[in-house]
Every structure is written in structure tokens, then in C-alpha cells.
């Protein structure tokens, strides 16, 4: 039985983005990306966040969609282009007070 690459990629992204890391003291859990994907996000991206490396969290671009968040490798050229597109879109839709 062979599983398609797209299905495997989707499962990997779901597993990565759903991780919750607990602090050593057992206090409030920290939600962050502990791994990243190189797969292109195929659903509409509404926003993004940049995550700095702070173990166990890794450097990542977090793309926000209507249903979830995706942890993406910041070295991916498609992800960098998407950020530029989102920033430009925000600039053109922002109304400046007069």
C-alpha cells in the first residue's frame, strides 16, 4: 500500500504544528514550533508570525490560516515571497487617518 507524498506531507505538517511543549517546572505549557516543514501551504494564508530560536522552539515562520497554523522553514523562498505579499497587502489595506 503506497501513500501519496501529499498525504504524508499533510500528516507531517499536522503533527509538527500540533505539538505542545511543557516547561521543565510543569507550569503553563509553551506552544511553539519545535520542527519545521518545507511543504508549501496550499490553503489561503491570512497572517504570519516569526518565531526566533529559543530551545526547544526552533526558528520558524508560522503561517496562520482560517483553521490552523503551519510551522515553515524560514529558508524556503516561497515562504519569504508569501511574507512580502502579506506585508504589501497589509500596507495597501491600511487606512491612514486624516
PDB file of N, CA and C in Angstrom:
ATOM      1  N   UNK A   1       0.841  -1.182   0.000  1.00  0.00           N
ATOM      2  CA  UNK A   1       0.000   0.000   0.000  1.00  0.00           C
ATOM      3  C   UNK A   1       0.883   1.241   0.000  1.00  0.00           C
ATOM      4  N   UNK A   2       0.669   2.094  -0.951  1.00  0.00           N
ATOM      5  CA  UNK A   2       1.508   3.277  -1.080  1.00  0.00           C
ATOM      6  C   UNK A   2       0.684   4.525  -0.772  1.00  0.00           C
ATOM      7  N   UNK A   3       1.223   5.392   0.097  1.00  0.00           N
ATOM      8  CA  UNK A   3       0.554   6.624   0.478  1.00  0.00           C
ATOM      9  C   UNK A   3       1.183   7.757  -0.320  1.00  0.00           C
ATOM     10  N   UNK A   4       0.340   8.624  -0.850  1.00  0.00           N
ATOM     11  CA  UNK A   4       0.852   9.712  -1.683  1.00  0.00           C
ATOM     12  C   UNK A   4       1.712  10.672  -0.869  1.00  0.00           C
ATOM     13  N   UNK A   5       2.612  11.345  -1.554  1.00  0.00           N
ATOM     14  CA  UNK A   5       3.513  12.309  -0.904  1.00  0.00           C
ATOM     15  C   UNK A   5       2.719  13.461  -0.296  1.00  0.00           C
ATOM     16  N   UNK A   6       1.656  13.870  -0.960  1.00  0.00           N
ATOM     17  CA  UNK A   6       0.849  14.991  -0.436  1.00  0.00           C
ATOM     18  C   UNK A   6       0.196  14.616   0.886  1.00  0.00           C
ATOM     19  N   UNK A   7      -0.302  13.391   0.986  1.00  0.00           N
ATOM     20  CA  UNK A   7      -0.931  12.944   2.233  1.00  0.00           C
ATOM     21  C   UNK A   7       0.113  12.872   3.339  1.00  0.00           C
ATOM     22  N   UNK A   8       1.266  12.331   3.043  1.00  0.00           N
ATOM     23  CA  UNK A   8       2.332  12.229   4.039  1.00  0.00           C
ATOM     24  C   UNK A   8       2.781  13.620   4.484  1.00  0.00           C
ATOM     25  N   UNK A   9       2.889  14.543   3.540  1.00  0.00           N
ATOM     26  CA  UNK A   9       3.295  15.905   3.857  1.00  0.00           C
ATOM     27  C   UNK A   9       2.259  16.567   4.771  1.00  0.00           C
ATOM     28  N   UNK A  10       0.986  16.374   4.459  1.00  0.00           N
ATOM     29  CA  UNK A  10      -0.082  16.944   5.291  1.00  0.00           C
ATOM     30  C   UNK A  10      -0.047  16.382   6.699  1.00  0.00           C
ATOM     31  N   UNK A  11       0.182  15.083   6.812  1.00  0.00           N
ATOM     32  CA  UNK A  11       0.265  14.458   8.135  1.00  0.00           C
ATOM     33  C   UNK A  11       1.460  14.990   8.917  1.00  0.00           C
ATOM     34  N   UNK A  12       2.577  15.192   8.247  1.00  0.00           N
ATOM     35  CA  UNK A  12       3.772  15.712   8.917  1.00  0.00           C
ATOM     36  C   UNK A  12       3.531  17.132   9.408  1.00  0.00           C
ATOM     37  N   UNK A  13       2.903  17.942   8.593  1.00  0.00           N
ATOM     38  CA  UNK A  13       2.619  19.320   8.991  1.00  0.00           C
ATOM     39  C   UNK A  13       1.663  19.335  10.175  1.00  0.00           C
ATOM     40  N   UNK A  14       0.648  18.477  10.139  1.00  0.00           N
ATOM     41  CA  UNK A  14      -0.307  18.421  11.248  1.00  0.00           C
ATOM     42  C   UNK A  14       0.388  18.021  12.546  1.00  0.00           C
ATOM     43  N   UNK A  15       1.274  17.057  12.474  1.00  0.00           N
ATOM     44  CA  UNK A  15       1.980  16.603  13.672  1.00  0.00           C
ATOM     45  C   UNK A  15       2.901  17.684  14.218  1.00  0.00           C
ATOM     46  N   UNK A  16       3.586  18.369  13.344  1.00  0.00           N
ATOM     47  CA  UNK A  16       4.520  19.410  13.768  1.00  0.00           C
ATOM     48  C   UNK A  16       3.789  20.582  14.403  1.00  0.00           C
ATOM     49  N   UNK A  17       2.708  21.025  13.759  1.00  0.00           N
ATOM     50  CA  UNK A  17       2.040  22.224  14.253  1.00  0.00           C
ATOM     51  C   UNK A  17       1.185  21.967  15.485  1.00  0.00           C
ATOM     52  N   UNK A  18       0.914  20.714  15.804  1.00  0.00           N
ATOM     53  CA  UNK A  18       0.061  20.416  16.954  1.00  0.00           C
ATOM     54  C   UNK A  18       0.849  20.143  18.234  1.00  0.00           C
ATOM     55  N   UNK A  19       2.154  20.257  18.177  1.00  0.00           N
ATOM     56  CA  UNK A  19       2.972  19.938  19.343  1.00  0.00           C
ATOM     57  C   UNK A  19       2.835  20.965  20.459  1.00  0.00           C
ATOM     58  N   UNK A  20       2.744  20.484  21.670  1.00  0.00           N
ATOM     59  CA  UNK A  20       2.733  21.345  22.847  1.00  0.00           C
ATOM     60  C   UNK A  20       3.904  20.924  23.710  1.00  0.00           C
ATOM     61  N   UNK A  21       4.715  21.873  24.112  1.00  0.00           N
ATOM     62  CA  UNK A  21       5.888  21.600  24.920  1.00  0.00           C
ATOM     63  C   UNK A  21       5.607  22.080  26.338  1.00  0.00           C
ATOM     64  N   UNK A  22       5.862  21.242  27.308  1.00  0.00           N
ATOM     65  CA  UNK A  22       5.673  21.637  28.698  1.00  0.00           C
ATOM     66  C   UNK A  22       6.995  22.144  29.264  1.00  0.00           C
ATOM     67  N   UNK A  23       6.900  23.168  30.080  1.00  0.00           N
ATOM     68  CA  UNK A  23       8.096  23.720  30.699  1.00  0.00           C
ATOM     69  C   UNK A  23       8.637  22.730  31.725  1.00  0.00           C
ATOM     70  N   UNK A  24       9.925  22.794  32.038  1.00  0.00           N
ATOM     71  CA  UNK A  24      10.521  21.858  32.995  1.00  0.00           C
ATOM     72  C   UNK A  24       9.874  21.929  34.375  1.00  0.00           C
ATOM     73  N   UNK A  25       9.325  23.071  34.727  1.00  0.00           N
ATOM     74  CA  UNK A  25       8.719  23.213  36.054  1.00  0.00           C
ATOM     75  C   UNK A  25       7.310  22.661  36.095  1.00  0.00           C
ATOM     76  N   UNK A  26       6.779  22.280  34.939  1.00  0.00           N
ATOM     77  CA  UNK A  26       5.421  21.778  34.890  1.00  0.00           C
ATOM     78  C   UNK A  26       4.402  22.904  34.877  1.00  0.00           C
ATOM     79  N   UNK A  27       4.866  24.132  34.702  1.00  0.00           N
ATOM     80  CA  UNK A  27       3.967  25.290  34.675  1.00  0.00           C
ATOM     81  C   UNK A  27       3.204  25.324  33.358  1.00  0.00           C
ATOM     82  N   UNK A  28       2.722  26.468  33.002  1.00  0.00           N
ATOM     83  CA  UNK A  28       1.933  26.653  31.786  1.00  0.00           C
ATOM     84  C   UNK A  28       2.669  26.080  30.569  1.00  0.00           C
ATOM     85  N   UNK A  29       1.983  25.279  29.724  1.00  0.00           N
ATOM     86  CA  UNK A  29       2.643  24.738  28.531  1.00  0.00           C
ATOM     87  C   UNK A  29       3.009  25.853  27.557  1.00  0.00           C
ATOM     88  N   UNK A  30       4.114  25.671  26.857  1.00  0.00           N
ATOM     89  CA  UNK A  30       4.576  26.635  25.867  1.00  0.00           C
ATOM     90  C   UNK A  30       4.236  26.071  24.497  1.00  0.00           C
ATOM     91  N   UNK A  31       3.507  26.834  23.704  1.00  0.00           N
ATOM     92  CA  UNK A  31       3.171  26.379  22.351  1.00  0.00           C
ATOM     93  C   UNK A  31       4.122  27.064  21.375  1.00  0.00           C
ATOM     94  N   UNK A  32       4.865  26.252  20.667  1.00  0.00           N
ATOM     95  CA  UNK A  32       5.792  26.793  19.688  1.00  0.00           C
ATOM     96  C   UNK A  32       6.131  25.713  18.681  1.00  0.00           C
ATOM     97  N   UNK A  33       6.810  26.110  17.635  1.00  0.00           N
ATOM     98  CA  UNK A  33       7.266  25.156  16.631  1.00  0.00           C
ATOM     99  C   UNK A  33       8.565  24.524  17.126  1.00  0.00           C
ATOM    100  N   UNK A  34       8.572  23.214  17.210  1.00  0.00           N
ATOM    101  CA  UNK A  34       9.793  22.512  17.596  1.00  0.00           C
ATOM    102  C   UNK A  34      10.436  21.834  16.380  1.00  0.00           C
ATOM    103  N   UNK A  35       9.757  21.929  15.241  1.00  0.00           N
ATOM    104  CA  UNK A  35      10.259  21.431  13.960  1.00  0.00           C
ATOM    105  C   UNK A  35       9.543  22.218  12.876  1.00  0.00           C
ATOM    106  N   UNK A  36      10.116  22.234  11.667  1.00  0.00           N
ATOM    107  CA  UNK A  36       9.514  22.977  10.565  1.00  0.00           C
ATOM    108  C   UNK A  36       9.328  22.076   9.352  1.00  0.00           C
ATOM    109  N   UNK A  37       8.455  22.510   8.471  1.00  0.00           N
ATOM    110  CA  UNK A  37       8.194  21.809   7.226  1.00  0.00           C
ATOM    111  C   UNK A  37       8.667  22.662   6.064  1.00  0.00           C
ATOM    112  N   UNK A  38       8.984  22.020   4.961  1.00  0.00           N
ATOM    113  CA  UNK A  38       9.344  22.736   3.734  1.00  0.00           C
ATOM    114  C   UNK A  38       8.169  22.763   2.766  1.00  0.00           C
ATOM    115  N   UNK A  39       7.104  22.044   3.093  1.00  0.00           N
ATOM    116  CA  UNK A  39       5.954  21.914   2.203  1.00  0.00           C
ATOM    117  C   UNK A  39       5.232  23.244   2.051  1.00  0.00           C
ATOM    118  N   UNK A  40       4.798  23.521   0.849  1.00  0.00           N
ATOM    119  CA  UNK A  40       4.048  24.733   0.556  1.00  0.00           C
ATOM    120  C   UNK A  40       2.653  24.611   1.168  1.00  0.00           C
ATOM    121  N   UNK A  41       2.192  25.673   1.791  1.00  0.00           N
ATOM    122  CA  UNK A  41       0.848  25.705   2.357  1.00  0.00           C
ATOM    123  C   UNK A  41      -0.109  26.002   1.216  1.00  0.00           C
ATOM    124  N   UNK A  42      -1.057  25.104   0.986  1.00  0.00           N
ATOM    125  CA  UNK A  42      -1.947  25.222  -0.164  1.00  0.00           C
ATOM    126  C   UNK A  42      -3.261  25.932   0.143  1.00  0.00           C
ATOM    127  N   UNK A  43      -3.575  26.179   1.406  1.00  0.00           N
ATOM    128  CA  UNK A  43      -4.810  26.883   1.763  1.00  0.00           C
ATOM    129  C   UNK A  43      -4.494  28.370   1.911  1.00  0.00           C
ATOM    130  N   UNK A  44      -5.517  29.234   1.835  1.00  0.00           N
ATOM    131  CA  UNK A  44      -5.252  30.671   1.946  1.00  0.00           C
ATOM    132  C   UNK A  44      -4.593  31.048   3.282  1.00  0.00           C
ATOM    133  N   UNK A  45      -3.503  31.808   3.196  1.00  0.00           N
ATOM    134  CA  UNK A  45      -2.774  32.264   4.378  1.00  0.00           C
ATOM    135  C   UNK A  45      -3.274  33.652   4.732  1.00  0.00           C
ATOM    136  N   UNK A  46      -3.701  33.819   5.984  1.00  0.00           N
ATOM    137  CA  UNK A  46      -4.266  35.083   6.439  1.00  0.00           C
ATOM    138  C   UNK A  46      -3.238  35.993   7.092  1.00  0.00           C
ATOM    139  N   UNK A  47      -2.260  35.404   7.763  1.00  0.00           N
ATOM    140  CA  UNK A  47      -1.282  36.190   8.506  1.00  0.00           C
ATOM    141  C   UNK A  47      -0.047  35.330   8.749  1.00  0.00           C
ATOM    142  N   UNK A  48       0.962  35.925   9.367  1.00  0.00           N
ATOM    143  CA  UNK A  48       2.167  35.178   9.706  1.00  0.00           C
ATOM    144  C   UNK A  48       2.762  35.732  10.991  1.00  0.00           C
ATOM    145  N   UNK A  49       3.584  34.913  11.609  1.00  0.00           N
ATOM    146  CA  UNK A  49       4.360  35.303  12.784  1.00  0.00           C
ATOM    147  C   UNK A  49       5.767  34.780  12.553  1.00  0.00           C
ATOM    148  N   UNK A  50       6.746  35.479  13.083  1.00  0.00           N
ATOM    149  CA  UNK A  50       8.125  34.999  13.029  1.00  0.00           C
ATOM    150  C   UNK A  50       8.489  34.489  14.410  1.00  0.00           C
ATOM    151  N   UNK A  51       9.042  33.296  14.452  1.00  0.00           N
ATOM    152  CA  UNK A  51       9.452  32.705  15.722  1.00  0.00           C
ATOM    153  C   UNK A  51      10.970  32.606  15.755  1.00  0.00           C
ATOM    154  N   UNK A  52      11.551  33.139  16.796  1.00  0.00           N
ATOM    155  CA  UNK A  52      13.003  33.042  16.981  1.00  0.00           C
ATOM    156  C   UNK A  52      13.355  31.712  17.634  1.00  0.00           C
ATOM    157  N   UNK A  53      14.588  31.316  17.434  1.00  0.00           N
ATOM    158  CA  UNK A  53      15.072  30.095  18.067  1.00  0.00           C
ATOM    159  C   UNK A  53      15.242  30.350  19.557  1.00  0.00           C
ATOM    160  N   UNK A  54      14.613  29.526  20.356  1.00  0.00           N
ATOM    161  CA  UNK A  54      14.707  29.579  21.809  1.00  0.00           C
ATOM    162  C   UNK A  54      14.346  28.176  22.301  1.00  0.00           C
ATOM    163  N   UNK A  55      15.340  27.271  22.362  1.00  0.00           N
ATOM    164  CA  UNK A  55      15.060  25.865  22.636  1.00  0.00           C
ATOM    165  C   UNK A  55      14.057  25.658  23.765  1.00  0.00           C
ATOM    166  N   UNK A  56      13.109  24.751  23.525  1.00  0.00           N
ATOM    167  CA  UNK A  56      13.022  23.782  22.434  1.00  0.00           C
ATOM    168  C   UNK A  56      12.429  24.336  21.151  1.00  0.00           C
ATOM    169  N   UNK A  57      12.042  25.595  21.122  1.00  0.00           N
ATOM    170  CA  UNK A  57      11.448  26.202  19.926  1.00  0.00           C
ATOM    171  C   UNK A  57      12.541  26.467  18.883  1.00  0.00           C
ATOM    172  N   UNK A  58      12.194  26.287  17.616  1.00  0.00           N
ATOM    173  CA  UNK A  58      13.144  26.496  16.525  1.00  0.00           C
ATOM    174  C   UNK A  58      12.774  27.753  15.750  1.00  0.00           C
ATOM    175  N   UNK A  59      13.713  28.269  14.962  1.00  0.00           N
ATOM    176  CA  UNK A  59      13.438  29.419  14.104  1.00  0.00           C
ATOM    177  C   UNK A  59      12.424  28.975  13.056  1.00  0.00           C
ATOM    178  N   UNK A  60      11.332  29.745  12.926  1.00  0.00           N
ATOM    179  CA  UNK A  60      10.266  29.330  12.021  1.00  0.00           C
ATOM    180  C   UNK A  60       9.431  30.521  11.583  1.00  0.00           C
ATOM    181  N   UNK A  61       8.772  30.329  10.456  1.00  0.00           N
ATOM    182  CA  UNK A  61       7.701  31.217  10.035  1.00  0.00           C
ATOM    183  C   UNK A  61       6.425  30.462  10.374  1.00  0.00           C
ATOM    184  N   UNK A  62       5.530  31.107  11.085  1.00  0.00           N
ATOM    185  CA  UNK A  62       4.260  30.477  11.423  1.00  0.00           C
ATOM    186  C   UNK A  62       3.199  31.130  10.551  1.00  0.00           C
ATOM    187  N   UNK A  63       2.682  30.372   9.587  1.00  0.00           N
ATOM    188  CA  UNK A  63       1.620  30.882   8.733  1.00  0.00           C
ATOM    189  C   UNK A  63       0.279  30.554   9.371  1.00  0.00           C
ATOM    190  N   UNK A  64      -0.580  31.560   9.432  1.00  0.00           N
ATOM    191  CA  UNK A  64      -1.892  31.417  10.054  1.00  0.00           C
ATOM    192  C   UNK A  64      -2.943  31.323   8.956  1.00  0.00           C
ATOM    193  N   UNK A  65      -3.770  30.277   9.027  1.00  0.00           N
ATOM    194  CA  UNK A  65      -4.891  30.117   8.101  1.00  0.00           C
ATOM    195  C   UNK A  65      -6.183  30.182   8.911  1.00  0.00           C
ATOM    196  N   UNK A  66      -7.293  30.030   8.264  1.00  0.00           N
ATOM    197  CA  UNK A  66      -8.581  30.098   8.952  1.00  0.00           C
ATOM    198  C   UNK A  66      -8.736  28.985   9.983  1.00  0.00           C
ATOM    199  N   UNK A  67      -8.110  27.848   9.741  1.00  0.00           N
ATOM    200  CA  UNK A  67      -8.314  26.697  10.629  1.00  0.00           C
ATOM    201  C   UNK A  67      -7.134  26.331  11.502  1.00  0.00           C
ATOM    202  N   UNK A  68      -5.921  26.737  11.117  1.00  0.00           N
ATOM    203  CA  UNK A  68      -4.746  26.291  11.881  1.00  0.00           C
ATOM    204  C   UNK A  68      -3.519  27.125  11.578  1.00  0.00           C
ATOM    205  N   UNK A  69      -2.402  26.713  12.183  1.00  0.00           N
ATOM    206  CA  UNK A  69      -1.124  27.373  11.963  1.00  0.00           C
ATOM    207  C   UNK A  69      -0.129  26.337  11.438  1.00  0.00           C
ATOM    208  N   UNK A  70       0.785  26.783  10.587  1.00  0.00           N
ATOM    209  CA  UNK A  70       1.788  25.911   9.994  1.00  0.00           C
ATOM    210  C   UNK A  70       3.182  26.422  10.337  1.00  0.00           C
ATOM    211  N   UNK A  71       4.045  25.526  10.773  1.00  0.00           N
ATOM    212  CA  UNK A  71       5.442  25.847  11.083  1.00  0.00           C
ATOM    213  C   UNK A  71       6.283  25.582   9.840  1.00  0.00           C
ATOM    214  N   UNK A  72       6.827  26.638   9.255  1.00  0.00           N
ATOM    215  CA  UNK A  72       7.530  26.520   7.979  1.00  0.00           C
ATOM    216  C   UNK A  72       8.984  26.970   8.119  1.00  0.00           C
ATOM    217  N   UNK A  73       9.851  26.276   7.406  1.00  0.00           N
ATOM    218  CA  UNK A  73      11.274  26.606   7.371  1.00  0.00           C
ATOM    219  C   UNK A  73      11.449  28.011   6.776  1.00  0.00           C
ATOM    220  N   UNK A  74      12.039  28.942   7.510  1.00  0.00           N
ATOM    221  CA  UNK A  74      12.178  30.314   7.013  1.00  0.00           C
ATOM    222  C   UNK A  74      13.123  30.449   5.821  1.00  0.00           C
ATOM    223  N   UNK A  75      13.870  29.429   5.478  1.00  0.00           N
ATOM    224  CA  UNK A  75      14.780  29.493   4.329  1.00  0.00           C
ATOM    225  C   UNK A  75      14.067  29.200   3.006  1.00  0.00           C
ATOM    226  N   UNK A  76      12.813  28.807   3.056  1.00  0.00           N
ATOM    227  CA  UNK A  76      12.073  28.490   1.840  1.00  0.00           C
ATOM    228  C   UNK A  76      11.736  29.772   1.077  1.00  0.00           C
ATOM    229  N   UNK A  77      12.135  29.829  -0.187  1.00  0.00           N
ATOM    230  CA  UNK A  77      11.909  31.051  -0.975  1.00  0.00           C
ATOM    231  C   UNK A  77      10.425  31.341  -1.144  1.00  0.00           C
ATOM    232  N   UNK A  78       9.600  30.308  -1.276  1.00  0.00           N
ATOM    233  CA  UNK A  78       8.160  30.546  -1.430  1.00  0.00           C
ATOM    234  C   UNK A  78       7.581  31.203  -0.173  1.00  0.00           C
ATOM    235  N   UNK A  79       8.108  30.836   0.994  1.00  0.00           N
ATOM    236  CA  UNK A  79       7.619  31.394   2.249  1.00  0.00           C
ATOM    237  C   UNK A  79       8.030  32.868   2.375  1.00  0.00           C
ATOM    238  N   UNK A  80       9.242  33.186   1.966  1.00  0.00           N
ATOM    239  CA  UNK A  80       9.709  34.569   2.002  1.00  0.00           C
ATOM    240  C   UNK A  80       8.886  35.447   1.059  1.00  0.00           C
ATOM    241  N   UNK A  81       8.552  34.910  -0.107  1.00  0.00           N
ATOM    242  CA  UNK A  81       7.727  35.654  -1.060  1.00  0.00           C
ATOM    243  C   UNK A  81       6.319  35.866  -0.498  1.00  0.00           C
ATOM    244  N   UNK A  82       5.790  34.862   0.187  1.00  0.00           N
ATOM    245  CA  UNK A  82       4.456  34.980   0.768  1.00  0.00           C
ATOM    246  C   UNK A  82       4.434  36.069   1.845  1.00  0.00           C
ATOM    247  N   UNK A  83       5.491  36.161   2.636  1.00  0.00           N
ATOM    248  CA  UNK A  83       5.574  37.209   3.663  1.00  0.00           C
ATOM    249  C   UNK A  83       5.561  38.581   3.000  1.00  0.00           C
ATOM    250  N   UNK A  84       6.340  38.761   1.945  1.00  0.00           N
ATOM    251  CA  UNK A  84       6.363  40.043   1.227  1.00  0.00           C
ATOM    252  C   UNK A  84       4.967  40.386   0.720  1.00  0.00           C
ATOM    253  N   UNK A  85       4.286  39.400   0.182  1.00  0.00           N
ATOM    254  CA  UNK A  85       2.927  39.598  -0.331  1.00  0.00           C
ATOM    255  C   UNK A  85       1.972  40.015   0.795  1.00  0.00           C
ATOM    256  N   UNK A  86       2.058  39.357   1.940  1.00  0.00           N
ATOM    257  CA  UNK A  86       1.191  39.676   3.068  1.00  0.00           C
ATOM    258  C   UNK A  86       1.473  41.075   3.617  1.00  0.00           C
ATOM    259  N   UNK A  87       2.745  41.439   3.714  1.00  0.00           N
ATOM    260  CA  UNK A  87       3.112  42.764   4.220  1.00  0.00           C
ATOM    261  C   UNK A  87       2.604  43.842   3.262  1.00  0.00           C
ATOM    262  N   UNK A  88       2.797  43.636   1.978  1.00  0.00           N
ATOM    263  CA  UNK A  88       2.329  44.597   0.985  1.00  0.00           C
ATOM    264  C   UNK A  88       0.809  44.716   1.026  1.00  0.00           C
ATOM    265  N   UNK A  89       0.140  43.598   1.191  1.00  0.00           N
ATOM    266  CA  UNK A  89      -1.319  43.600   1.276  1.00  0.00           C
ATOM    267  C   UNK A  89      -1.804  44.396   2.483  1.00  0.00           C
ATOM    268  N   UNK A  90      -1.123  44.250   3.611  1.00  0.00           N
ATOM    269  CA  UNK A  90      -1.490  44.999   4.817  1.00  0.00           C
ATOM    270  C   UNK A  90      -1.274  46.493   4.623  1.00  0.00           C
ATOM    271  N   UNK A  91      -0.208  46.858   3.928  1.00  0.00           N
ATOM    272  CA  UNK A  91       0.082  48.277   3.692  1.00  0.00           C
ATOM    273  C   UNK A  91      -0.973  48.917   2.806  1.00  0.00           C
ATOM    274  N   UNK A  92      -1.438  48.205   1.812  1.00  0.00           N
ATOM    275  CA  UNK A  92      -2.405  48.773   0.874  1.00  0.00           C
ATOM    276  C   UNK A  92      -3.815  48.799   1.451  1.00  0.00           C
ATOM    277  N   UNK A  93      -4.110  47.961   2.441  1.00  0.00           N
ATOM    278  CA  UNK A  93      -5.449  47.951   3.029  1.00  0.00           C
ATOM    279  C   UNK A  93      -5.539  48.805   4.286  1.00  0.00           C
ATOM    280  N   UNK A  94      -4.424  49.294   4.779  1.00  0.00           N
ATOM    281  CA  UNK A  94      -4.428  50.138   5.970  1.00  0.00           C
ATOM    282  C   UNK A  94      -4.858  51.550   5.600  1.00  0.00           C
ATOM    283  N   UNK A  95      -5.830  52.057   6.331  1.00  0.00           N
ATOM    284  CA  UNK A  95      -6.315  53.408   6.099  1.00  0.00           C
ATOM    285  C   UNK A  95      -5.609  54.344   7.058  1.00  0.00           C
ATOM    286  N   UNK A  96      -5.040  55.398   6.538  1.00  0.00           N
ATOM    287  CA  UNK A  96      -4.359  56.372   7.393  1.00  0.00           C
ATOM    288  C   UNK A  96      -5.331  57.476   7.764  1.00  0.00           C
ATOM    289  N   UNK A  97      -5.346  57.872   9.049  1.00  0.00           N
ATOM    290  CA  UNK A  97      -6.256  58.941   9.479  1.00  0.00           C
ATOM    291  C   UNK A  97      -5.849  60.285   8.881  1.00  0.00           C
ATOM    292  N   UNK A  98      -6.847  61.124   8.604  1.00  0.00           N
ATOM    293  CA  UNK A  98      -6.550  62.448   8.031  1.00  0.00           C
ATOM    294  C   UNK A  98      -6.832  63.546   9.040  1.00  0.00           C
TER     295      UNK A  98
END
